[in-house]
Amino acid sequence: MLQLVNFFANDCQRLFELMYLLPMCLGGPLLVIASTIYCINYIGPWALVGSLVMLLYYPYQVRTTTTHYYYYYYYYYYYYYYN
Protein backbone atom coordinates (compact mmCIF):
# COMPACT_ATOMS: atom_id res chain seq x y z
CA MET A 1 0.00 0.00 0.00
CA LEU A 2 2.81 2.43 0.83
CA GLN A 3 4.51 1.71 -2.48
CA LEU A 4 1.30 2.62 -4.31
CA VAL A 5 1.10 5.91 -2.41
CA ASN A 6 4.74 6.57 -3.29
CA PHE A 7 4.00 6.02 -7.00
CA PHE A 8 1.09 8.47 -6.86
CA ALA A 9 3.18 11.06 -5.05
CA ASN A 10 5.96 10.70 -7.60
CA ASP A 11 3.53 11.04 -10.51
CA CYS A 12 1.87 14.08 -8.95
CA GLN A 13 5.26 15.71 -8.45
CA ARG A 14 6.18 15.12 -12.09
CA LEU A 15 2.86 16.56 -13.26
CA PHE A 16 3.40 19.61 -11.06
CA GLU A 17 6.87 20.14 -12.52
CA LEU A 18 5.47 19.73 -16.04
CA MET A 19 2.78 22.35 -15.46
CA TYR A 20 5.32 24.67 -13.87
CA LEU A 21 8.08 24.33 -16.48
CA LEU A 22 6.14 23.81 -19.72
CA PRO A 23 5.14 27.47 -20.22
CA MET A 24 8.75 28.53 -19.67
CA CYS A 25 10.01 25.96 -22.17
CA LEU A 26 7.49 27.06 -24.78
CA GLY A 27 7.67 30.80 -24.16
CA GLY A 28 11.35 31.10 -23.32
CA PRO A 29 12.72 30.98 -26.87
CA LEU A 30 10.06 33.43 -28.05
CA LEU A 31 10.97 35.80 -25.25
CA VAL A 32 14.67 35.60 -26.09
CA ILE A 33 14.00 36.29 -29.76
CA ALA A 34 11.63 39.18 -29.02
CA SER A 35 13.95 40.77 -26.48
CA THR A 36 16.93 40.43 -28.85
CA ILE A 37 15.01 42.13 -31.65
CA TYR A 38 13.94 44.91 -29.29
CA CYS A 39 17.50 45.43 -28.04
CA ILE A 40 18.83 45.52 -31.61
CA ASN A 41 16.32 48.25 -32.46
CA TYR A 42 17.06 50.15 -29.26
CA ILE A 43 20.84 49.77 -28.85
CA GLY A 44 22.06 48.68 -32.25
CA PRO A 45 24.12 45.76 -33.52
CA TRP A 46 26.10 45.51 -30.27
CA ALA A 47 22.98 44.04 -28.66
CA LEU A 48 23.32 41.04 -30.96
CA VAL A 49 26.88 40.51 -29.74
CA GLY A 50 25.73 40.70 -26.13
CA SER A 51 22.89 38.26 -26.76
CA LEU A 52 25.22 35.80 -28.47
CA VAL A 53 27.72 35.99 -25.61
CA MET A 54 24.92 35.34 -23.15
CA LEU A 55 23.60 32.37 -25.14
CA LEU A 56 27.05 30.88 -25.70
CA TYR A 57 27.85 31.13 -21.99
CA TYR A 58 25.23 28.52 -21.06
CA PRO A 59 26.97 25.49 -22.66
CA TYR A 60 30.24 26.58 -21.02
CA GLN A 61 28.51 26.81 -17.65
CA VAL A 62 26.96 23.35 -18.02
CA ARG A 63 30.28 21.88 -19.09
CA THR A 64 32.19 23.31 -16.15
CA THR A 65 29.63 22.24 -13.54
CA THR A 66 29.34 18.66 -14.85
CA THR A 67 33.12 18.32 -15.10
CA HIS A 68 33.53 19.55 -11.54
CA TYR A 69 30.90 17.06 -10.34
CA TYR A 70 32.61 14.22 -12.19
CA TYR A 71 35.99 14.91 -10.60
CA TYR A 72 34.45 15.30 -7.16
CA TYR A 73 32.65 11.96 -7.49
CA TYR A 74 35.80 10.27 -8.76
CA TYR A 75 37.85 11.64 -5.85
CA TYR A 76 35.20 10.55 -3.34
CA TYR A 77 35.03 7.04 -4.82
CA TYR A 78 38.80 6.62 -5.02
CA TYR A 79 39.49 8.05 -1.57
CA TYR A 80 36.92 6.01 0.33
CA TYR A 81 37.15 2.71 -1.49
CA TYR A 82 40.86 2.37 -2.18
CA ASN A 83 42.37 3.80 1.00
C-alpha atoms as a PDB file:
ATOM      1  CA  MET A   1       0.000   0.000   0.000  1.00  0.00           C
ATOM      2  CA  LEU A   2       2.810   2.428   0.827  1.00  0.00           C
ATOM      3  CA  GLN A   3       4.513   1.705  -2.476  1.00  0.00           C
ATOM      4  CA  LEU A   4       1.302   2.621  -4.314  1.00  0.00           C
ATOM      5  CA  VAL A   5       1.102   5.910  -2.415  1.00  0.00           C
ATOM      6  CA  ASN A   6       4.742   6.572  -3.290  1.00  0.00           C
ATOM      7  CA  PHE A   7       4.002   6.023  -7.000  1.00  0.00           C
ATOM      8  CA  PHE A   8       1.088   8.469  -6.856  1.00  0.00           C
ATOM      9  CA  ALA A   9       3.175  11.057  -5.045  1.00  0.00           C
ATOM     10  CA  ASN A  10       5.957  10.697  -7.597  1.00  0.00           C
ATOM     11  CA  ASP A  11       3.531  11.036 -10.511  1.00  0.00           C
ATOM     12  CA  CYS A  12       1.869  14.082  -8.947  1.00  0.00           C
ATOM     13  CA  GLN A  13       5.257  15.712  -8.447  1.00  0.00           C
ATOM     14  CA  ARG A  14       6.179  15.123 -12.086  1.00  0.00           C
ATOM     15  CA  LEU A  15       2.860  16.560 -13.264  1.00  0.00           C
ATOM     16  CA  PHE A  16       3.396  19.606 -11.063  1.00  0.00           C
ATOM     17  CA  GLU A  17       6.869  20.144 -12.517  1.00  0.00           C
ATOM     18  CA  LEU A  18       5.468  19.733 -16.038  1.00  0.00           C
ATOM     19  CA  MET A  19       2.777  22.350 -15.459  1.00  0.00           C
ATOM     20  CA  TYR A  20       5.324  24.671 -13.866  1.00  0.00           C
ATOM     21  CA  LEU A  21       8.075  24.333 -16.477  1.00  0.00           C
ATOM     22  CA  LEU A  22       6.135  23.810 -19.720  1.00  0.00           C
ATOM     23  CA  PRO A  23       5.139  27.468 -20.222  1.00  0.00           C
ATOM     24  CA  MET A  24       8.747  28.532 -19.665  1.00  0.00           C
ATOM     25  CA  CYS A  25      10.009  25.961 -22.167  1.00  0.00           C
ATOM     26  CA  LEU A  26       7.489  27.060 -24.780  1.00  0.00           C
ATOM     27  CA  GLY A  27       7.668  30.800 -24.159  1.00  0.00           C
ATOM     28  CA  GLY A  28      11.346  31.104 -23.317  1.00  0.00           C
ATOM     29  CA  PRO A  29      12.718  30.979 -26.872  1.00  0.00           C
ATOM     30  CA  LEU A  30      10.064  33.433 -28.054  1.00  0.00           C
ATOM     31  CA  LEU A  31      10.966  35.804 -25.247  1.00  0.00           C
ATOM     32  CA  VAL A  32      14.674  35.603 -26.089  1.00  0.00           C
ATOM     33  CA  ILE A  33      13.995  36.292 -29.762  1.00  0.00           C
ATOM     34  CA  ALA A  34      11.625  39.176 -29.017  1.00  0.00           C
ATOM     35  CA  SER A  35      13.953  40.773 -26.483  1.00  0.00           C
ATOM     36  CA  THR A  36      16.932  40.433 -28.847  1.00  0.00           C
ATOM     37  CA  ILE A  37      15.008  42.134 -31.650  1.00  0.00           C
ATOM     38  CA  TYR A  38      13.940  44.908 -29.291  1.00  0.00           C
ATOM     39  CA  CYS A  39      17.500  45.434 -28.039  1.00  0.00           C
ATOM     40  CA  ILE A  40      18.832  45.521 -31.607  1.00  0.00           C
ATOM     41  CA  ASN A  41      16.320  48.246 -32.464  1.00  0.00           C
ATOM     42  CA  TYR A  42      17.056  50.149 -29.256  1.00  0.00           C
ATOM     43  CA  ILE A  43      20.840  49.770 -28.847  1.00  0.00           C
ATOM     44  CA  GLY A  44      22.062  48.678 -32.254  1.00  0.00           C
ATOM     45  CA  PRO A  45      24.120  45.764 -33.523  1.00  0.00           C
ATOM     46  CA  TRP A  46      26.099  45.514 -30.268  1.00  0.00           C
ATOM     47  CA  ALA A  47      22.977  44.043 -28.665  1.00  0.00           C
ATOM     48  CA  LEU A  48      23.322  41.037 -30.963  1.00  0.00           C
ATOM     49  CA  VAL A  49      26.882  40.513 -29.744  1.00  0.00           C
ATOM     50  CA  GLY A  50      25.729  40.703 -26.131  1.00  0.00           C
ATOM     51  CA  SER A  51      22.893  38.261 -26.757  1.00  0.00           C
ATOM     52  CA  LEU A  52      25.218  35.802 -28.468  1.00  0.00           C
ATOM     53  CA  VAL A  53      27.721  35.992 -25.613  1.00  0.00           C
ATOM     54  CA  MET A  54      24.919  35.336 -23.149  1.00  0.00           C
ATOM     55  CA  LEU A  55      23.596  32.368 -25.136  1.00  0.00           C
ATOM     56  CA  LEU A  56      27.050  30.885 -25.695  1.00  0.00           C
ATOM     57  CA  TYR A  57      27.851  31.126 -21.994  1.00  0.00           C
ATOM     58  CA  TYR A  58      25.229  28.520 -21.059  1.00  0.00           C
ATOM     59  CA  PRO A  59      26.974  25.487 -22.662  1.00  0.00           C
ATOM     60  CA  TYR A  60      30.236  26.583 -21.024  1.00  0.00           C
ATOM     61  CA  GLN A  61      28.512  26.806 -17.654  1.00  0.00           C
ATOM     62  CA  VAL A  62      26.957  23.349 -18.021  1.00  0.00           C
ATOM     63  CA  ARG A  63      30.284  21.877 -19.090  1.00  0.00           C
ATOM     64  CA  THR A  64      32.191  23.311 -16.146  1.00  0.00           C
ATOM     65  CA  THR A  65      29.634  22.238 -13.542  1.00  0.00           C
ATOM     66  CA  THR A  66      29.337  18.659 -14.850  1.00  0.00           C
ATOM     67  CA  THR A  67      33.116  18.318 -15.097  1.00  0.00           C
ATOM     68  CA  HIS A  68      33.525  19.545 -11.539  1.00  0.00           C
ATOM     69  CA  TYR A  69      30.899  17.059 -10.341  1.00  0.00           C
ATOM     70  CA  TYR A  70      32.610  14.219 -12.193  1.00  0.00           C
ATOM     71  CA  TYR A  71      35.988  14.914 -10.604  1.00  0.00           C
ATOM     72  CA  TYR A  72      34.453  15.302  -7.158  1.00  0.00           C
ATOM     73  CA  TYR A  73      32.652  11.964  -7.494  1.00  0.00           C
ATOM     74  CA  TYR A  74      35.805  10.268  -8.763  1.00  0.00           C
ATOM     75  CA  TYR A  75      37.851  11.637  -5.847  1.00  0.00           C
ATOM     76  CA  TYR A  76      35.205  10.547  -3.344  1.00  0.00           C
ATOM     77  CA  TYR A  77      35.034   7.036  -4.824  1.00  0.00           C
ATOM     78  CA  TYR A  78      38.802   6.619  -5.016  1.00  0.00           C
ATOM     79  CA  TYR A  79      39.494   8.048  -1.567  1.00  0.00           C
ATOM     80  CA  TYR A  80      36.924   6.012   0.334  1.00  0.00           C
ATOM     81  CA  TYR A  81      37.150   2.707  -1.491  1.00  0.00           C
ATOM     82  CA  TYR A  82      40.857   2.366  -2.176  1.00  0.00           C
ATOM     83  CA  ASN A  83      42.373   3.797   0.998  1.00  0.00           C
END
